Amino acid sequence: MARLIQRPYRRILRPLVAIMMMVIGCLLFIGAATGQPEPVVLEVGSDGVQRGQVALDSYSYTPKYVVVQAGIPVEISLNSLTTLTPHNFVIKEPAAGLSITQDVGAGKTVTVRFTAFKPGTYWFYCDKKLLFFASHRAKGMEGRLEVR
């Protein structure tokens, strides 16, 4: 009698499980596709300088994706939203002529100035760390600078 009851459930459960797996796969794909940060394009001011702001918080930059034009000076105001933890803004791309390391104390605002001449995509990150713990970059504190 138990075998008679199990067979109809198998016919129902197998397609349901397959449908559930497809739905979960689609949701994961959509989540991954929309997980990309929107680029923030810095506009050139009347003085010929591209200006923007980046907020530094607990292991994150906002925005995470900044776009600038090659050959035009850039000023980015770095605003730390933390109350205790210091951060920094680092770009180490010697081949592109970018070598920036700017400390930003907790609750402080500083400005970095540079001109990027070589088009490409470069990573900026925070390399601060406490003793034996992972660096802030390892915890996700990084972003992209795209030079067009």
C-alpha atoms as a PDB file:
ATOM      1  CA  MET A   1       0.000   0.000   0.000  1.00  0.00           C
ATOM      2  CA  ALA A   2       2.866   2.395   0.791  1.00  0.00           C
ATOM      3  CA  ARG A   3       4.289   1.926  -2.722  1.00  0.00           C
ATOM      4  CA  LEU A   4       1.022   2.983  -4.292  1.00  0.00           C
ATOM      5  CA  ILE A   5       1.034   6.260  -2.364  1.00  0.00           C
ATOM      6  CA  GLN A   6       4.706   7.088  -3.135  1.00  0.00           C
ATOM      7  CA  ARG A   7       4.471   6.845  -6.928  1.00  0.00           C
ATOM      8  CA  PRO A   8       1.978   9.704  -7.503  1.00  0.00           C
ATOM      9  CA  TYR A   9       4.028  12.011  -5.267  1.00  0.00           C
ATOM     10  CA  ARG A  10       7.164  11.320  -7.306  1.00  0.00           C
ATOM     11  CA  ARG A  11       5.381  12.393 -10.478  1.00  0.00           C
ATOM     12  CA  ILE A  12       4.376  15.662  -8.813  1.00  0.00           C
ATOM     13  CA  LEU A  13       7.552  16.370  -6.837  1.00  0.00           C
ATOM     14  CA  ARG A  14      10.100  15.939  -9.623  1.00  0.00           C
ATOM     15  CA  PRO A  15       8.618  18.653 -11.867  1.00  0.00           C
ATOM     16  CA  LEU A  16       8.059  20.928  -8.861  1.00  0.00           C
ATOM     17  CA  VAL A  17      11.675  20.562  -7.766  1.00  0.00           C
ATOM     18  CA  ALA A  18      12.860  21.241 -11.313  1.00  0.00           C
ATOM     19  CA  ILE A  19      10.689  24.367 -11.556  1.00  0.00           C
ATOM     20  CA  MET A  20      11.888  25.602  -8.150  1.00  0.00           C
ATOM     21  CA  MET A  21      15.515  25.149  -9.191  1.00  0.00           C
ATOM     22  CA  MET A  22      14.932  27.094 -12.420  1.00  0.00           C
ATOM     23  CA  VAL A  23      13.240  29.929 -10.505  1.00  0.00           C
ATOM     24  CA  ILE A  24      16.082  30.086  -7.973  1.00  0.00           C
ATOM     25  CA  GLY A  25      18.651  30.056 -10.801  1.00  0.00           C
ATOM     26  CA  CYS A  26      16.859  32.920 -12.560  1.00  0.00           C
ATOM     27  CA  LEU A  27      16.717  34.948  -9.351  1.00  0.00           C
ATOM     28  CA  LEU A  28      20.428  34.416  -8.744  1.00  0.00           C
ATOM     29  CA  PHE A  29      21.212  35.432 -12.338  1.00  0.00           C
ATOM     30  CA  ILE A  30      19.094  38.577 -12.086  1.00  0.00           C
ATOM     31  CA  GLY A  31      20.675  39.437  -8.742  1.00  0.00           C
ATOM     32  CA  ALA A  32      24.162  39.011 -10.158  1.00  0.00           C
ATOM     33  CA  ALA A  33      23.321  41.052 -13.251  1.00  0.00           C
ATOM     34  CA  THR A  34      21.919  43.960 -11.259  1.00  0.00           C
ATOM     35  CA  GLY A  35      24.709  43.786  -8.671  1.00  0.00           C
ATOM     36  CA  GLN A  36      26.975  45.905 -10.856  1.00  0.00           C
ATOM     37  CA  PRO A  37      27.316  49.449  -9.572  1.00  0.00           C
ATOM     38  CA  GLU A  38      26.073  52.266 -11.776  1.00  0.00           C
ATOM     39  CA  PRO A  39      28.918  54.417 -13.093  1.00  0.00           C
ATOM     40  CA  VAL A  40      29.097  58.035 -11.928  1.00  0.00           C
ATOM     41  CA  VAL A  41      30.499  60.191 -14.723  1.00  0.00           C
ATOM     42  CA  LEU A  42      32.301  63.291 -13.470  1.00  0.00           C
ATOM     43  CA  GLU A  43      31.339  66.404 -15.408  1.00  0.00           C
ATOM     44  CA  VAL A  44      33.898  68.967 -16.513  1.00  0.00           C
ATOM     45  CA  GLY A  45      33.319  72.311 -14.770  1.00  0.00           C
ATOM     46  CA  SER A  46      33.651  75.742 -16.343  1.00  0.00           C
ATOM     47  CA  ASP A  47      37.221  75.853 -14.994  1.00  0.00           C
ATOM     48  CA  GLY A  48      38.128  72.680 -16.915  1.00  0.00           C
ATOM     49  CA  VAL A  49      38.294  70.417 -13.852  1.00  0.00           C
ATOM     50  CA  GLN A  50      36.265  67.236 -13.339  1.00  0.00           C
ATOM     51  CA  ARG A  51      34.907  67.210  -9.786  1.00  0.00           C
ATOM     52  CA  GLY A  52      33.154  64.569  -7.730  1.00  0.00           C
ATOM     53  CA  GLN A  53      32.617  63.195  -4.248  1.00  0.00           C
ATOM     54  CA  VAL A  54      33.243  59.757  -2.801  1.00  0.00           C
ATOM     55  CA  ALA A  55      31.977  58.714   0.639  1.00  0.00           C
ATOM     56  CA  LEU A  56      34.132  56.310   2.653  1.00  0.00           C
ATOM     57  CA  ASP A  57      32.160  54.200   5.100  1.00  0.00           C
ATOM     58  CA  SER A  58      32.693  50.919   6.918  1.00  0.00           C
ATOM     59  CA  TYR A  59      34.421  48.874   4.223  1.00  0.00           C
ATOM     60  CA  SER A  60      32.775  50.615   1.261  1.00  0.00           C
ATOM     61  CA  TYR A  61      33.070  53.501  -1.158  1.00  0.00           C
ATOM     62  CA  THR A  62      30.037  55.334  -2.570  1.00  0.00           C
ATOM     63  CA  PRO A  63      30.038  55.533  -5.516  1.00  0.00           C
ATOM     64  CA  LYS A  64      32.071  52.421  -6.300  1.00  0.00           C
ATOM     65  CA  TYR A  65      32.421  53.214  -9.996  1.00  0.00           C
ATOM     66  CA  VAL A  66      33.724  56.598 -11.186  1.00  0.00           C
ATOM     67  CA  VAL A  67      34.258  57.608 -14.821  1.00  0.00           C
ATOM     68  CA  VAL A  68      36.589  60.444 -15.884  1.00  0.00           C
ATOM     69  CA  GLN A  69      37.936  61.786 -19.172  1.00  0.00           C
ATOM     70  CA  ALA A  70      41.590  61.280 -20.002  1.00  0.00           C
ATOM     71  CA  GLY A  71      43.840  64.325 -19.984  1.00  0.00           C
ATOM     72  CA  ILE A  72      41.497  66.534 -17.936  1.00  0.00           C
ATOM     73  CA  PRO A  73      42.327  67.343 -14.275  1.00  0.00           C
ATOM     74  CA  VAL A  74      40.250  65.518 -11.629  1.00  0.00           C
ATOM     75  CA  GLU A  75      39.367  66.561  -8.068  1.00  0.00           C
ATOM     76  CA  ILE A  76      37.623  64.033  -5.872  1.00  0.00           C
ATOM     77  CA  SER A  77      36.446  65.049  -2.420  1.00  0.00           C
ATOM     78  CA  LEU A  78      36.796  62.066  -0.050  1.00  0.00           C
ATOM     79  CA  ASN A  79      34.369  62.208   2.877  1.00  0.00           C
ATOM     80  CA  SER A  80      34.799  59.686   5.714  1.00  0.00           C
ATOM     81  CA  LEU A  81      31.472  58.765   7.315  1.00  0.00           C
ATOM     82  CA  THR A  82      33.060  56.706  10.083  1.00  0.00           C
ATOM     83  CA  THR A  83      33.517  57.923  13.647  1.00  0.00           C
ATOM     84  CA  LEU A  84      36.517  55.799  14.688  1.00  0.00           C
ATOM     85  CA  THR A  85      38.007  53.940  11.747  1.00  0.00           C
ATOM     86  CA  PRO A  86      40.464  55.753   9.466  1.00  0.00           C
ATOM     87  CA  HIS A  87      40.525  54.873   5.776  1.00  0.00           C
ATOM     88  CA  ASN A  88      42.512  55.798   2.706  1.00  0.00           C
ATOM     89  CA  PHE A  89      42.171  56.057  -1.051  1.00  0.00           C
ATOM     90  CA  VAL A  90      44.839  54.201  -3.005  1.00  0.00           C
ATOM     91  CA  ILE A  91      45.423  53.839  -6.750  1.00  0.00           C
ATOM     92  CA  LYS A  92      48.688  52.134  -7.711  1.00  0.00           C
ATOM     93  CA  GLU A  93      48.879  51.998 -11.492  1.00  0.00           C
ATOM     94  CA  PRO A  94      52.395  53.124 -12.457  1.00  0.00           C
ATOM     95  CA  ALA A  95      51.925  52.114 -16.106  1.00  0.00           C
ATOM     96  CA  ALA A  96      49.034  54.589 -16.280  1.00  0.00           C
ATOM     97  CA  GLY A  97      50.916  57.287 -14.370  1.00  0.00           C
ATOM     98  CA  LEU A  98      48.597  56.962 -11.345  1.00  0.00           C
ATOM     99  CA  SER A  99      50.153  56.686  -7.915  1.00  0.00           C
ATOM    100  CA  ILE A 100      47.819  58.022  -5.237  1.00  0.00           C
ATOM    101  CA  THR A 101      47.759  57.269  -1.517  1.00  0.00           C
ATOM    102  CA  GLN A 102      45.582  59.654   0.481  1.00  0.00           C
ATOM    103  CA  ASP A 103      44.746  59.035   4.137  1.00  0.00           C
ATOM    104  CA  VAL A 104      41.314  60.124   5.332  1.00  0.00           C
ATOM    105  CA  GLY A 105      40.847  60.358   9.085  1.00  0.00           C
ATOM    106  CA  ALA A 106      37.580  59.284  10.701  1.00  0.00           C
ATOM    107  CA  GLY A 107      34.933  61.953  10.112  1.00  0.00           C
ATOM    108  CA  LYS A 108      37.275  64.035   7.920  1.00  0.00           C
ATOM    109  CA  THR A 109      37.112  65.256   4.338  1.00  0.00           C
ATOM    110  CA  VAL A 110      40.129  65.589   2.034  1.00  0.00           C
ATOM    111  CA  THR A 111      40.558  66.196  -1.679  1.00  0.00           C
ATOM    112  CA  VAL A 112      42.715  64.244  -4.130  1.00  0.00           C
ATOM    113  CA  ARG A 113      43.859  65.849  -7.361  1.00  0.00           C
ATOM    114  CA  PHE A 114      45.258  64.021 -10.363  1.00  0.00           C
ATOM    115  CA  THR A 115      45.140  63.815 -14.130  1.00  0.00           C
ATOM    116  CA  ALA A 116      44.743  60.420 -15.765  1.00  0.00           C
ATOM    117  CA  PHE A 117      46.233  60.266 -19.250  1.00  0.00           C
ATOM    118  CA  LYS A 118      45.900  56.596 -20.186  1.00  0.00           C
ATOM    119  CA  PRO A 119      42.394  55.227 -20.902  1.00  0.00           C
ATOM    120  CA  GLY A 120      41.537  52.045 -19.021  1.00  0.00           C
ATOM    121  CA  THR A 121      39.919  50.715 -15.878  1.00  0.00           C
ATOM    122  CA  TYR A 122      41.836  50.975 -12.616  1.00  0.00           C
ATOM    123  CA  TRP A 123      41.029  49.859  -9.079  1.00  0.00           C
ATOM    124  CA  PHE A 124      40.989  52.193  -6.089  1.00  0.00           C
ATOM    125  CA  TYR A 125      40.957  50.682  -2.624  1.00  0.00           C
ATOM    126  CA  CYS A 126      41.639  51.087   1.091  1.00  0.00           C
ATOM    127  CA  ASP A 127      44.699  49.202   2.289  1.00  0.00           C
ATOM    128  CA  LYS A 128      44.239  49.931   5.997  1.00  0.00           C
ATOM    129  CA  LYS A 129      44.204  46.975   8.373  1.00  0.00           C
ATOM    130  CA  LEU A 130      44.388  46.287  12.068  1.00  0.00           C
ATOM    131  CA  LEU A 131      47.128  43.947  13.268  1.00  0.00           C
ATOM    132  CA  PHE A 132      46.257  40.395  12.228  1.00  0.00           C
ATOM    133  CA  PHE A 133      42.871  41.156  10.649  1.00  0.00           C
ATOM    134  CA  ALA A 134      42.120  41.278   6.929  1.00  0.00           C
ATOM    135  CA  SER A 135      42.670  44.574   5.141  1.00  0.00           C
ATOM    136  CA  HIS A 136      39.735  46.830   4.368  1.00  0.00           C
ATOM    137  CA  ARG A 137      40.179  45.945   0.696  1.00  0.00           C
ATOM    138  CA  ALA A 138      39.854  42.244   1.521  1.00  0.00           C
ATOM    139  CA  LYS A 139      36.580  43.134   3.233  1.00  0.00           C
ATOM    140  CA  GLY A 140      35.254  44.711   0.027  1.00  0.00           C
ATOM    141  CA  MET A 141      36.463  48.306   0.236  1.00  0.00           C
ATOM    142  CA  GLU A 142      37.391  48.861  -3.393  1.00  0.00           C
ATOM    143  CA  GLY A 143      35.987  50.540  -6.465  1.00  0.00           C
ATOM    144  CA  ARG A 144      36.693  51.242 -10.138  1.00  0.00           C
ATOM    145  CA  LEU A 145      38.037  54.297 -11.882  1.00  0.00           C
ATOM    146  CA  GLU A 146      37.360  54.226 -15.613  1.00  0.00           C
ATOM    147  CA  VAL A 147      39.361  56.616 -17.741  1.00  0.00           C
ATOM    148  CA  ARG A 148      37.795  57.237 -21.166  1.00  0.00           C
END
